[in-house]
Amino acid sequence: SARVSNLARGRKIYEPPRYMSINTALSQLLEVEEKRKEGAYTPDTMVVGVSRLGTSTQQIVSGTMKELVDYDFGAPLHSLVIAGDMHFMEEEMMEFYSWKNEQPKPADS
């Protein structure tokens, strides 16, 4: 490809930025775990998907990996948090931001 030949010749030609979506990240993580079977996480592992944080269209959504793999997070930028052992207050926040609940609207500034 042109990209590889430019790299081989030492040409600094930058490609436009590309962003990985939460859905792509979850899909790839689940695929890797399915192949390797290392037990790092399961389809039932709790995660938080965050998109466009700090904007009027931000989304914060929690659920299991399998629940959020097809969730519509909209335009980038996206971040994914994989939860470990949680304090009960963290669990309450996960429930508050669950994909099953209607998402809270940002306050008017």
PDB file of N, CA and C in Angstrom:
ATOM      1  N   SER A   1       0.835  -1.192   0.000  1.00  0.00           N
ATOM      2  CA  SER A   1       0.000   0.000   0.000  1.00  0.00           C
ATOM      3  C   SER A   1       0.876   1.250   0.000  1.00  0.00           C
ATOM      4  N   ALA A   2       0.268   2.363  -0.321  1.00  0.00           N
ATOM      5  CA  ALA A   2       1.002   3.636  -0.382  1.00  0.00           C
ATOM      6  C   ALA A   2       1.552   4.005   0.989  1.00  0.00           C
ATOM      7  N   ARG A   3       0.807   3.715   2.024  1.00  0.00           N
ATOM      8  CA  ARG A   3       1.245   4.045   3.379  1.00  0.00           C
ATOM      9  C   ARG A   3       2.535   3.298   3.725  1.00  0.00           C
ATOM     10  N   VAL A   4       2.582   2.023   3.409  1.00  0.00           N
ATOM     11  CA  VAL A   4       3.763   1.218   3.715  1.00  0.00           C
ATOM     12  C   VAL A   4       4.959   1.706   2.908  1.00  0.00           C
ATOM     13  N   SER A   5       4.773   1.995   1.623  1.00  0.00           N
ATOM     14  CA  SER A   5       5.899   2.453   0.810  1.00  0.00           C
ATOM     15  C   SER A   5       6.399   3.818   1.272  1.00  0.00           C
ATOM     16  N   ASN A   6       5.516   4.688   1.717  1.00  0.00           N
ATOM     17  CA  ASN A   6       5.948   5.988   2.252  1.00  0.00           C
ATOM     18  C   ASN A   6       6.765   5.807   3.527  1.00  0.00           C
ATOM     19  N   LEU A   7       6.327   4.892   4.384  1.00  0.00           N
ATOM     20  CA  LEU A   7       7.078   4.609   5.608  1.00  0.00           C
ATOM     21  C   LEU A   7       8.450   4.032   5.274  1.00  0.00           C
ATOM     22  N   ALA A   8       8.509   3.120   4.312  1.00  0.00           N
ATOM     23  CA  ALA A   8       9.770   2.488   3.928  1.00  0.00           C
ATOM     24  C   ALA A   8      10.751   3.505   3.369  1.00  0.00           C
ATOM     25  N   ARG A   9      10.255   4.525   2.696  1.00  0.00           N
ATOM     26  CA  ARG A   9      11.120   5.570   2.118  1.00  0.00           C
ATOM     27  C   ARG A   9      11.405   6.698   3.108  1.00  0.00           C
ATOM     28  N   GLY A  10      10.847   6.597   4.328  1.00  0.00           N
ATOM     29  CA  GLY A  10      11.101   7.621   5.323  1.00  0.00           C
ATOM     30  C   GLY A  10      10.306   8.898   5.122  1.00  0.00           C
ATOM     31  N   ARG A  11       9.289   8.843   4.301  1.00  0.00           N
ATOM     32  CA  ARG A  11       8.452  10.037   4.069  1.00  0.00           C
ATOM     33  C   ARG A  11       7.491  10.219   5.232  1.00  0.00           C
ATOM     34  N   LYS A  12       7.437  11.426   5.718  1.00  0.00           N
ATOM     35  CA  LYS A  12       6.514  11.728   6.818  1.00  0.00           C
ATOM     36  C   LYS A  12       5.217  12.282   6.230  1.00  0.00           C
ATOM     37  N   ILE A  13       4.378  11.383   5.835  1.00  0.00           N
ATOM     38  CA  ILE A  13       3.059  11.751   5.312  1.00  0.00           C
ATOM     39  C   ILE A  13       2.043  11.243   6.322  1.00  0.00           C
ATOM     40  N   TYR A  14       1.316  12.175   6.919  1.00  0.00           N
ATOM     41  CA  TYR A  14       0.397  11.825   7.990  1.00  0.00           C
ATOM     42  C   TYR A  14      -0.995  11.570   7.437  1.00  0.00           C
ATOM     43  N   GLU A  15      -1.596  10.518   7.927  1.00  0.00           N
ATOM     44  CA  GLU A  15      -2.960  10.191   7.534  1.00  0.00           C
ATOM     45  C   GLU A  15      -3.935  10.960   8.415  1.00  0.00           C
ATOM     46  N   PRO A  16      -5.160  11.142   7.935  1.00  0.00           N
ATOM     47  CA  PRO A  16      -6.155  11.809   8.776  1.00  0.00           C
ATOM     48  C   PRO A  16      -6.415  10.981  10.033  1.00  0.00           C
ATOM     49  N   PRO A  17      -6.755  11.647  11.134  1.00  0.00           N
ATOM     50  CA  PRO A  17      -6.996  10.899  12.373  1.00  0.00           C
ATOM     51  C   PRO A  17      -8.197   9.967  12.231  1.00  0.00           C
ATOM     52  N   ARG A  18      -8.076   8.820  12.883  1.00  0.00           N
ATOM     53  CA  ARG A  18      -9.175   7.873  12.942  1.00  0.00           C
ATOM     54  C   ARG A  18      -9.396   7.546  14.410  1.00  0.00           C
ATOM     55  N   TYR A  19     -10.644   7.405  14.780  1.00  0.00           N
ATOM     56  CA  TYR A  19     -10.976   7.147  16.172  1.00  0.00           C
ATOM     57  C   TYR A  19     -11.610   5.779  16.290  1.00  0.00           C
ATOM     58  N   MET A  20     -11.179   5.041  17.308  1.00  0.00           N
ATOM     59  CA  MET A  20     -11.820   3.762  17.569  1.00  0.00           C
ATOM     60  C   MET A  20     -13.080   4.020  18.391  1.00  0.00           C
ATOM     61  N   SER A  21     -14.167   3.402  17.976  1.00  0.00           N
ATOM     62  CA  SER A  21     -15.416   3.546  18.727  1.00  0.00           C
ATOM     63  C   SER A  21     -15.418   2.583  19.911  1.00  0.00           C
ATOM     64  N   ILE A  22     -16.280   2.864  20.858  1.00  0.00           N
ATOM     65  CA  ILE A  22     -16.474   1.962  21.991  1.00  0.00           C
ATOM     66  C   ILE A  22     -16.906   0.591  21.476  1.00  0.00           C
ATOM     67  N   ASN A  23     -17.781   0.584  20.479  1.00  0.00           N
ATOM     68  CA  ASN A  23     -18.291  -0.672  19.937  1.00  0.00           C
ATOM     69  C   ASN A  23     -17.169  -1.515  19.329  1.00  0.00           C
ATOM     70  N   THR A  24     -16.278  -0.878  18.583  1.00  0.00           N
ATOM     71  CA  THR A  24     -15.146  -1.591  17.991  1.00  0.00           C
ATOM     72  C   THR A  24     -14.229  -2.127  19.079  1.00  0.00           C
ATOM     73  N   ALA A  25     -13.952  -1.307  20.086  1.00  0.00           N
ATOM     74  CA  ALA A  25     -13.083  -1.739  21.186  1.00  0.00           C
ATOM     75  C   ALA A  25     -13.682  -2.954  21.891  1.00  0.00           C
ATOM     76  N   LEU A  26     -14.970  -2.893  22.206  1.00  0.00           N
ATOM     77  CA  LEU A  26     -15.624  -4.013  22.892  1.00  0.00           C
ATOM     78  C   LEU A  26     -15.613  -5.271  22.017  1.00  0.00           C
ATOM     79  N   SER A  27     -15.920  -5.106  20.757  1.00  0.00           N
ATOM     80  CA  SER A  27     -15.931  -6.235  19.840  1.00  0.00           C
ATOM     81  C   SER A  27     -14.557  -6.897  19.759  1.00  0.00           C
ATOM     82  N   GLN A  28     -13.509  -6.079  19.648  1.00  0.00           N
ATOM     83  CA  GLN A  28     -12.158  -6.622  19.558  1.00  0.00           C
ATOM     84  C   GLN A  28     -11.728  -7.267  20.872  1.00  0.00           C
ATOM     85  N   LEU A  29     -12.043  -6.644  21.983  1.00  0.00           N
ATOM     86  CA  LEU A  29     -11.692  -7.228  23.282  1.00  0.00           C
ATOM     87  C   LEU A  29     -12.373  -8.577  23.485  1.00  0.00           C
ATOM     88  N   LEU A  30     -13.659  -8.660  23.144  1.00  0.00           N
ATOM     89  CA  LEU A  30     -14.387  -9.917  23.294  1.00  0.00           C
ATOM     90  C   LEU A  30     -13.832 -10.993  22.358  1.00  0.00           C
ATOM     91  N   GLU A  31     -13.456 -10.592  21.159  1.00  0.00           N
ATOM     92  CA  GLU A  31     -12.883 -11.542  20.199  1.00  0.00           C
ATOM     93  C   GLU A  31     -11.540 -12.088  20.699  1.00  0.00           C
ATOM     94  N   VAL A  32     -10.690 -11.208  21.227  1.00  0.00           N
ATOM     95  CA  VAL A  32      -9.391 -11.634  21.745  1.00  0.00           C
ATOM     96  C   VAL A  32      -9.572 -12.587  22.927  1.00  0.00           C
ATOM     97  N   GLU A  33     -10.477 -12.238  23.834  1.00  0.00           N
ATOM     98  CA  GLU A  33     -10.700 -13.105  24.999  1.00  0.00           C
ATOM     99  C   GLU A  33     -11.269 -14.457  24.575  1.00  0.00           C
ATOM    100  N   GLU A  34     -12.130 -14.454  23.578  1.00  0.00           N
ATOM    101  CA  GLU A  34     -12.704 -15.709  23.080  1.00  0.00           C
ATOM    102  C   GLU A  34     -11.594 -16.614  22.526  1.00  0.00           C
ATOM    103  N   LYS A  35     -10.621 -16.019  21.835  1.00  0.00           N
ATOM    104  CA  LYS A  35      -9.530 -16.809  21.248  1.00  0.00           C
ATOM    105  C   LYS A  35      -8.516 -17.254  22.299  1.00  0.00           C
ATOM    106  N   ARG A  36      -8.132 -16.353  23.201  1.00  0.00           N
ATOM    107  CA  ARG A  36      -7.061 -16.651  24.160  1.00  0.00           C
ATOM    108  C   ARG A  36      -7.547 -17.371  25.413  1.00  0.00           C
ATOM    109  N   LYS A  37      -8.784 -17.109  25.783  1.00  0.00           N
ATOM    110  CA  LYS A  37      -9.386 -17.724  26.979  1.00  0.00           C
ATOM    111  C   LYS A  37      -8.507 -17.555  28.229  1.00  0.00           C
ATOM    112  N   GLU A  38      -8.052 -16.322  28.450  1.00  0.00           N
ATOM    113  CA  GLU A  38      -7.189 -16.030  29.604  1.00  0.00           C
ATOM    114  C   GLU A  38      -7.969 -15.608  30.842  1.00  0.00           C
ATOM    115  N   GLY A  39      -9.253 -15.356  30.701  1.00  0.00           N
ATOM    116  CA  GLY A  39     -10.075 -14.997  31.850  1.00  0.00           C
ATOM    117  C   GLY A  39      -9.890 -13.568  32.335  1.00  0.00           C
ATOM    118  N   ALA A  40      -9.359 -12.708  31.476  1.00  0.00           N
ATOM    119  CA  ALA A  40      -9.161 -11.306  31.867  1.00  0.00           C
ATOM    120  C   ALA A  40     -10.502 -10.603  32.086  1.00  0.00           C
ATOM    121  N   TYR A  41     -11.487 -10.989  31.315  1.00  0.00           N
ATOM    122  CA  TYR A  41     -12.834 -10.430  31.416  1.00  0.00           C
ATOM    123  C   TYR A  41     -13.760 -11.388  30.677  1.00  0.00           C
ATOM    124  N   THR A  42     -15.057 -11.162  30.835  1.00  0.00           N
ATOM    125  CA  THR A  42     -16.058 -11.990  30.168  1.00  0.00           C
ATOM    126  C   THR A  42     -17.072 -11.067  29.499  1.00  0.00           C
ATOM    127  N   PRO A  43     -17.968 -11.609  28.689  1.00  0.00           N
ATOM    128  CA  PRO A  43     -19.028 -10.771  28.121  1.00  0.00           C
ATOM    129  C   PRO A  43     -19.889 -10.099  29.198  1.00  0.00           C
ATOM    130  N   ASP A  44     -19.856 -10.634  30.435  1.00  0.00           N
ATOM    131  CA  ASP A  44     -20.647 -10.069  31.530  1.00  0.00           C
ATOM    132  C   ASP A  44     -19.869  -9.069  32.383  1.00  0.00           C
ATOM    133  N   THR A  45     -18.634  -8.748  32.003  1.00  0.00           N
ATOM    134  CA  THR A  45     -17.846  -7.754  32.728  1.00  0.00           C
ATOM    135  C   THR A  45     -18.474  -6.377  32.560  1.00  0.00           C
ATOM    136  N   MET A  46     -18.589  -5.657  33.664  1.00  0.00           N
ATOM    137  CA  MET A  46     -19.174  -4.313  33.633  1.00  0.00           C
ATOM    138  C   MET A  46     -18.193  -3.320  33.036  1.00  0.00           C
ATOM    139  N   VAL A  47     -18.729  -2.439  32.181  1.00  0.00           N
ATOM    140  CA  VAL A  47     -17.935  -1.392  31.552  1.00  0.00           C
ATOM    141  C   VAL A  47     -18.731  -0.092  31.559  1.00  0.00           C
ATOM    142  N   VAL A  48     -18.016   1.001  31.329  1.00  0.00           N
ATOM    143  CA  VAL A  48     -18.642   2.313  31.159  1.00  0.00           C
ATOM    144  C   VAL A  48     -18.161   2.877  29.836  1.00  0.00           C
ATOM    145  N   GLY A  49     -19.095   3.260  28.995  1.00  0.00           N
ATOM    146  CA  GLY A  49     -18.768   3.941  27.745  1.00  0.00           C
ATOM    147  C   GLY A  49     -19.043   5.425  27.914  1.00  0.00           C
ATOM    148  N   VAL A  50     -18.074   6.231  27.534  1.00  0.00           N
ATOM    149  CA  VAL A  50     -18.196   7.684  27.660  1.00  0.00           C
ATOM    150  C   VAL A  50     -17.940   8.294  26.285  1.00  0.00           C
ATOM    151  N   SER A  51     -18.857   9.135  25.832  1.00  0.00           N
ATOM    152  CA  SER A  51     -18.646   9.804  24.546  1.00  0.00           C
ATOM    153  C   SER A  51     -18.871  11.304  24.696  1.00  0.00           C
ATOM    154  N   ARG A  52     -17.989  12.049  24.037  1.00  0.00           N
ATOM    155  CA  ARG A  52     -18.044  13.524  23.975  1.00  0.00           C
ATOM    156  C   ARG A  52     -18.139  14.175  25.355  1.00  0.00           C
ATOM    157  N   LEU A  53     -17.387  13.658  26.299  1.00  0.00           N
ATOM    158  CA  LEU A  53     -17.425  14.142  27.681  1.00  0.00           C
ATOM    159  C   LEU A  53     -17.173  15.650  27.739  1.00  0.00           C
ATOM    160  N   GLY A  54     -17.977  16.335  28.512  1.00  0.00           N
ATOM    161  CA  GLY A  54     -17.821  17.777  28.687  1.00  0.00           C
ATOM    162  C   GLY A  54     -18.556  18.611  27.661  1.00  0.00           C
ATOM    163  N   THR A  55     -19.279  17.964  26.748  1.00  0.00           N
ATOM    164  CA  THR A  55     -20.050  18.714  25.758  1.00  0.00           C
ATOM    165  C   THR A  55     -21.535  18.588  26.080  1.00  0.00           C
ATOM    166  N   SER A  56     -22.338  19.336  25.360  1.00  0.00           N
ATOM    167  CA  SER A  56     -23.786  19.278  25.602  1.00  0.00           C
ATOM    168  C   SER A  56     -24.397  17.966  25.116  1.00  0.00           C
ATOM    169  N   THR A  57     -23.638  17.182  24.342  1.00  0.00           N
ATOM    170  CA  THR A  57     -24.154  15.908  23.839  1.00  0.00           C
ATOM    171  C   THR A  57     -23.456  14.701  24.471  1.00  0.00           C
ATOM    172  N   GLN A  58     -22.807  14.913  25.604  1.00  0.00           N
ATOM    173  CA  GLN A  58     -22.069  13.816  26.235  1.00  0.00           C
ATOM    174  C   GLN A  58     -22.995  12.668  26.604  1.00  0.00           C
ATOM    175  N   GLN A  59     -22.421  11.472  26.596  1.00  0.00           N
ATOM    176  CA  GLN A  59     -23.133  10.278  27.046  1.00  0.00           C
ATOM    177  C   GLN A  59     -22.232   9.518  28.000  1.00  0.00           C
ATOM    178  N   ILE A  60     -22.808   9.052  29.091  1.00  0.00           N
ATOM    179  CA  ILE A  60     -22.136   8.152  30.025  1.00  0.00           C
ATOM    180  C   ILE A  60     -23.092   6.983  30.209  1.00  0.00           C
ATOM    181  N   VAL A  61     -22.658   5.810  29.770  1.00  0.00           N
ATOM    182  CA  VAL A  61     -23.545   4.652  29.756  1.00  0.00           C
ATOM    183  C   VAL A  61     -22.806   3.446  30.316  1.00  0.00           C
ATOM    184  N   SER A  62     -23.451   2.731  31.246  1.00  0.00           N
ATOM    185  CA  SER A  62     -22.839   1.531  31.814  1.00  0.00           C
ATOM    186  C   SER A  62     -23.661   0.306  31.451  1.00  0.00           C
ATOM    187  N   GLY A  63     -22.991  -0.825  31.477  1.00  0.00           N
ATOM    188  CA  GLY A  63     -23.628  -2.109  31.210  1.00  0.00           C
ATOM    189  C   GLY A  63     -22.546  -3.159  31.067  1.00  0.00           C
ATOM    190  N   THR A  64     -22.937  -4.350  30.700  1.00  0.00           N
ATOM    191  CA  THR A  64     -21.946  -5.391  30.467  1.00  0.00           C
ATOM    192  C   THR A  64     -21.369  -5.212  29.064  1.00  0.00           C
ATOM    193  N   MET A  65     -20.240  -5.855  28.842  1.00  0.00           N
ATOM    194  CA  MET A  65     -19.618  -5.778  27.515  1.00  0.00           C
ATOM    195  C   MET A  65     -20.601  -6.207  26.427  1.00  0.00           C
ATOM    196  N   LYS A  66     -21.316  -7.313  26.675  1.00  0.00           N
ATOM    197  CA  LYS A  66     -22.234  -7.812  25.643  1.00  0.00           C
ATOM    198  C   LYS A  66     -23.439  -6.886  25.469  1.00  0.00           C
ATOM    199  N   GLU A  67     -23.834  -6.167  26.518  1.00  0.00           N
ATOM    200  CA  GLU A  67     -24.973  -5.249  26.399  1.00  0.00           C
ATOM    201  C   GLU A  67     -24.602  -3.996  25.614  1.00  0.00           C
ATOM    202  N   LEU A  68     -23.368  -3.541  25.742  1.00  0.00           N
ATOM    203  CA  LEU A  68     -22.985  -2.270  25.118  1.00  0.00           C
ATOM    204  C   LEU A  68     -22.299  -2.418  23.770  1.00  0.00           C
ATOM    205  N   VAL A  69     -21.982  -3.655  23.361  1.00  0.00           N
ATOM    206  CA  VAL A  69     -21.246  -3.832  22.105  1.00  0.00           C
ATOM    207  C   VAL A  69     -22.014  -3.259  20.908  1.00  0.00           C
ATOM    208  N   ASP A  70     -23.339  -3.225  20.973  1.00  0.00           N
ATOM    209  CA  ASP A  70     -24.151  -2.691  19.873  1.00  0.00           C
ATOM    210  C   ASP A  70     -24.859  -1.379  20.230  1.00  0.00           C
ATOM    211  N   TYR A  71     -24.541  -0.790  21.380  1.00  0.00           N
ATOM    212  CA  TYR A  71     -25.180   0.456  21.813  1.00  0.00           C
ATOM    213  C   TYR A  71     -24.701   1.608  20.921  1.00  0.00           C
ATOM    214  N   ASP A  72     -25.572   2.544  20.595  1.00  0.00           N
ATOM    215  CA  ASP A  72     -25.215   3.693  19.756  1.00  0.00           C
ATOM    216  C   ASP A  72     -24.674   4.826  20.621  1.00  0.00           C
ATOM    217  N   PHE A  73     -23.357   5.012  20.596  1.00  0.00           N
ATOM    218  CA  PHE A  73     -22.718   6.083  21.365  1.00  0.00           C
ATOM    219  C   PHE A  73     -22.578   7.372  20.562  1.00  0.00           C
ATOM    220  N   GLY A  74     -22.958   7.366  19.306  1.00  0.00           N
ATOM    221  CA  GLY A  74     -22.881   8.565  18.490  1.00  0.00           C
ATOM    222  C   GLY A  74     -21.455   8.889  18.071  1.00  0.00           C
ATOM    223  N   ALA A  75     -21.249  10.165  17.763  1.00  0.00           N
ATOM    224  CA  ALA A  75     -19.973  10.640  17.222  1.00  0.00           C
ATOM    225  C   ALA A  75     -18.852  10.539  18.258  1.00  0.00           C
ATOM    226  N   PRO A  76     -17.583  10.521  17.798  1.00  0.00           N
ATOM    227  CA  PRO A  76     -16.444  10.512  18.722  1.00  0.00           C
ATOM    228  C   PRO A  76     -16.356  11.847  19.468  1.00  0.00           C
ATOM    229  N   LEU A  77     -15.574  11.898  20.415  1.00  0.00           N
ATOM    230  CA  LEU A  77     -14.559  11.002  20.929  1.00  0.00           C
ATOM    231  C   LEU A  77     -15.157  10.054  21.944  1.00  0.00           C
ATOM    232  N   HIS A  78     -14.632   8.819  21.966  1.00  0.00           N
ATOM    233  CA  HIS A  78     -15.139   7.779  22.853  1.00  0.00           C
ATOM    234  C   HIS A  78     -14.055   7.317  23.816  1.00  0.00           C
ATOM    235  N   SER A  79     -14.476   6.937  25.011  1.00  0.00           N
ATOM    236  CA  SER A  79     -13.592   6.301  25.994  1.00  0.00           C
ATOM    237  C   SER A  79     -14.327   5.102  26.579  1.00  0.00           C
ATOM    238  N   LEU A  80     -13.550   4.083  26.939  1.00  0.00           N
ATOM    239  CA  LEU A  80     -14.106   2.874  27.524  1.00  0.00           C
ATOM    240  C   LEU A  80     -13.386   2.596  28.831  1.00  0.00           C
ATOM    241  N   VAL A  81     -14.163   2.354  29.879  1.00  0.00           N
ATOM    242  CA  VAL A  81     -13.613   1.997  31.187  1.00  0.00           C
ATOM    243  C   VAL A  81     -14.077   0.588  31.514  1.00  0.00           C
ATOM    244  N   ILE A  82     -13.129  -0.295  31.826  1.00  0.00           N
ATOM    245  CA  ILE A  82     -13.461  -1.652  32.233  1.00  0.00           C
ATOM    246  C   ILE A  82     -13.389  -1.692  33.751  1.00  0.00           C
ATOM    247  N   ALA A  83     -14.521  -2.001  34.371  1.00  0.00           N
ATOM    248  CA  ALA A  83     -14.598  -1.966  35.828  1.00  0.00           C
ATOM    249  C   ALA A  83     -13.956  -3.208  36.450  1.00  0.00           C
ATOM    250  N   GLY A  84     -13.325  -3.000  37.582  1.00  0.00           N
ATOM    251  CA  GLY A  84     -12.807  -4.106  38.382  1.00  0.00           C
ATOM    252  C   GLY A  84     -13.738  -4.303  39.567  1.00  0.00           C
ATOM    253  N   ASP A  85     -13.170  -4.668  40.713  1.00  0.00           N
ATOM    254  CA  ASP A  85     -13.969  -4.769  41.929  1.00  0.00           C
ATOM    255  C   ASP A  85     -14.435  -3.373  42.316  1.00  0.00           C
ATOM    256  N   MET A  86     -15.721  -3.244  42.626  1.00  0.00           N
ATOM    257  CA  MET A  86     -16.285  -1.926  42.898  1.00  0.00           C
ATOM    258  C   MET A  86     -16.786  -1.801  44.330  1.00  0.00           C
ATOM    259  N   HIS A  87     -16.685  -0.589  44.845  1.00  0.00           N
ATOM    260  CA  HIS A  87     -17.288  -0.178  46.114  1.00  0.00           C
ATOM    261  C   HIS A  87     -18.796  -0.076  45.867  1.00  0.00           C
ATOM    262  N   PHE A  88     -19.608  -0.221  46.898  1.00  0.00           N
ATOM    263  CA  PHE A  88     -21.060  -0.174  46.702  1.00  0.00           C
ATOM    264  C   PHE A  88     -21.518   1.156  46.106  1.00  0.00           C
ATOM    265  N   MET A  89     -20.814   2.251  46.415  1.00  0.00           N
ATOM    266  CA  MET A  89     -21.200   3.544  45.833  1.00  0.00           C
ATOM    267  C   MET A  89     -20.916   3.576  44.326  1.00  0.00           C
ATOM    268  N   GLU A  90     -19.838   2.926  43.918  1.00  0.00           N
ATOM    269  CA  GLU A  90     -19.538   2.827  42.495  1.00  0.00           C
ATOM    270  C   GLU A  90     -20.593   1.977  41.791  1.00  0.00           C
ATOM    271  N   GLU A  91     -21.020   0.912  42.453  1.00  0.00           N
ATOM    272  CA  GLU A  91     -22.071   0.069  41.887  1.00  0.00           C
ATOM    273  C   GLU A  91     -23.365   0.857  41.715  1.00  0.00           C
ATOM    274  N   GLU A  92     -23.667   1.748  42.663  1.00  0.00           N
ATOM    275  CA  GLU A  92     -24.865   2.586  42.553  1.00  0.00           C
ATOM    276  C   GLU A  92     -24.767   3.519  41.352  1.00  0.00           C
ATOM    277  N   MET A  93     -23.585   4.066  41.111  1.00  0.00           N
ATOM    278  CA  MET A  93     -23.400   4.948  39.960  1.00  0.00           C
ATOM    279  C   MET A  93     -23.502   4.157  38.653  1.00  0.00           C
ATOM    280  N   MET A  94     -23.011   2.923  38.661  1.00  0.00           N
ATOM    281  CA  MET A  94     -23.143   2.080  37.470  1.00  0.00           C
ATOM    282  C   MET A  94     -24.623   1.849  37.159  1.00  0.00           C
ATOM    283  N   GLU A  95     -25.413   1.639  38.205  1.00  0.00           N
ATOM    284  CA  GLU A  95     -26.852   1.449  38.010  1.00  0.00           C
ATOM    285  C   GLU A  95     -27.498   2.739  37.513  1.00  0.00           C
ATOM    286  N   PHE A  96     -27.080   3.878  38.056  1.00  0.00           N
ATOM    287  CA  PHE A  96     -27.622   5.181  37.650  1.00  0.00           C
ATOM    288  C   PHE A  96     -27.400   5.418  36.156  1.00  0.00           C
ATOM    289  N   TYR A  97     -26.199   5.058  35.660  1.00  0.00           N
ATOM    290  CA  TYR A  97     -25.853   5.298  34.260  1.00  0.00           C
ATOM    291  C   TYR A  97     -26.133   4.092  33.359  1.00  0.00           C
ATOM    292  N   SER A  98     -26.870   3.107  33.858  1.00  0.00           N
ATOM    293  CA  SER A  98     -27.161   1.908  33.082  1.00  0.00           C
ATOM    294  C   SER A  98     -27.864   2.250  31.771  1.00  0.00           C
ATOM    295  N   TRP A  99     -27.516   1.511  30.733  1.00  0.00           N
ATOM    296  CA  TRP A  99     -28.159   1.687  29.429  1.00  0.00           C
ATOM    297  C   TRP A  99     -29.659   1.414  29.511  1.00  0.00           C
ATOM    298  N   LYS A 100     -30.079   0.713  30.549  1.00  0.00           N
ATOM    299  CA  LYS A 100     -31.498   0.377  30.713  1.00  0.00           C
ATOM    300  C   LYS A 100     -32.323   1.578  31.164  1.00  0.00           C
ATOM    301  N   ASN A 101     -31.649   2.585  31.734  1.00  0.00           N
ATOM    302  CA  ASN A 101     -32.338   3.785  32.218  1.00  0.00           C
ATOM    303  C   ASN A 101     -32.277   4.873  31.164  1.00  0.00           C
ATOM    304  N   GLU A 102     -33.258   5.755  31.173  1.00  0.00           N
ATOM    305  CA  GLU A 102     -33.175   6.921  30.289  1.00  0.00           C
ATOM    306  C   GLU A 102     -32.018   7.779  30.772  1.00  0.00           C
ATOM    307  N   GLN A 103     -31.208   8.219  29.843  1.00  0.00           N
ATOM    308  CA  GLN A 103     -30.021   8.990  30.198  1.00  0.00           C
ATOM    309  C   GLN A 103     -30.411  10.377  30.698  1.00  0.00           C
ATOM    310  N   PRO A 104     -29.791  10.815  31.810  1.00  0.00           N
ATOM    311  CA  PRO A 104     -30.059  12.163  32.318  1.00  0.00           C
ATOM    312  C   PRO A 104     -29.586  13.210  31.326  1.00  0.00           C
ATOM    313  N   LYS A 105     -30.351  14.263  31.207  1.00  0.00           N
ATOM    314  CA  LYS A 105     -29.997  15.361  30.299  1.00  0.00           C
ATOM    315  C   LYS A 105     -29.049  16.319  31.028  1.00  0.00           C
ATOM    316  N   PRO A 106     -28.053  16.873  30.287  1.00  0.00           N
ATOM    317  CA  PRO A 106     -27.170  17.833  30.947  1.00  0.00           C
ATOM    318  C   PRO A 106     -27.943  19.075  31.388  1.00  0.00           C
ATOM    319  N   ALA A 107     -27.517  19.663  32.484  1.00  0.00           N
ATOM    320  CA  ALA A 107     -28.154  20.871  32.985  1.00  0.00           C
ATOM    321  C   ALA A 107     -27.888  22.037  32.050  1.00  0.00           C
ATOM    322  N   ASP A 108     -28.867  22.927  31.915  1.00  0.00           N
ATOM    323  CA  ASP A 108     -28.654  24.121  31.088  1.00  0.00           C
ATOM    324  C   ASP A 108     -27.685  25.045  31.787  1.00  0.00           C
ATOM    325  N   SER A 109     -26.754  25.622  30.989  1.00  0.00           N
ATOM    326  CA  SER A 109     -25.784  26.540  31.597  1.00  0.00           C
ATOM    327  C   SER A 109     -26.230  27.957  31.455  1.00  0.00           C
TER     328      SER A 109
END
